[in-house]
Amino acid sequence: MKTIVVLLFLICIGFPLTAQLKLASVQSEVNFREGPGVNYKISYSINNSNLLVILPREPQNGFIEIFDIETSSYGFVYESLIKVTDTLNFQRQQVFEQTGENDQGDIEIELINRTMHVLYVWINSISYNLSPLEKKTLITSDGEITYFSSAPGLFPVCGKEILKKGNTYQWNFSM
């Protein structure tokens, strides 16, 4: 577990940018829910051995969206039950490879999961799950891309990039 924390820290440190990831833990067992409220289904319980990443999104109904690195899943936990243990700045990286241009003027991003694991991807506050060997194409007009991804057997990756409108990009995930 400490190795994952150190690797996540090494991957994500760098020049401070506006978005940040926060590492967190819980002091006792808490419910990990499918949505932001007590009316949402409880997925499972998490305890103090789970390493959590608080995703940079505003709390909803007192709940925050988190990613559980141990189970490679995301859900919601009541905010007051979470203890922030570290803050990591997104660093400028180049995970998106430019593959061409498009006529629409938007940014087209093809996500390709070349692993045998379900991949969790968070881009600009939207979460995606990619099945093994799945491809997914995203269209956005926002050139500033903030992202986080993880899967069992893969080290979490986080960062921020500026992409040019009218271009197509590809992000390949492999082991």
Foldseek 3Di string as FASTA:
>chain_A
DVVLVVVLQVQFADDADDFKKFKKFFAAKFFFFAAQDPVTDGPDIDHRVWIKIFGPDDHDPQWTWIATQVQRDIGITRNVRIDTDDMTGAAADPQWAWDWFADPQWEKEKEFAQEQWWKWKAKPNDIDTAHHGGIDIDTGRAQKIWMWMHTVPDRIHTHIYGHGGRIYIYGYDDD
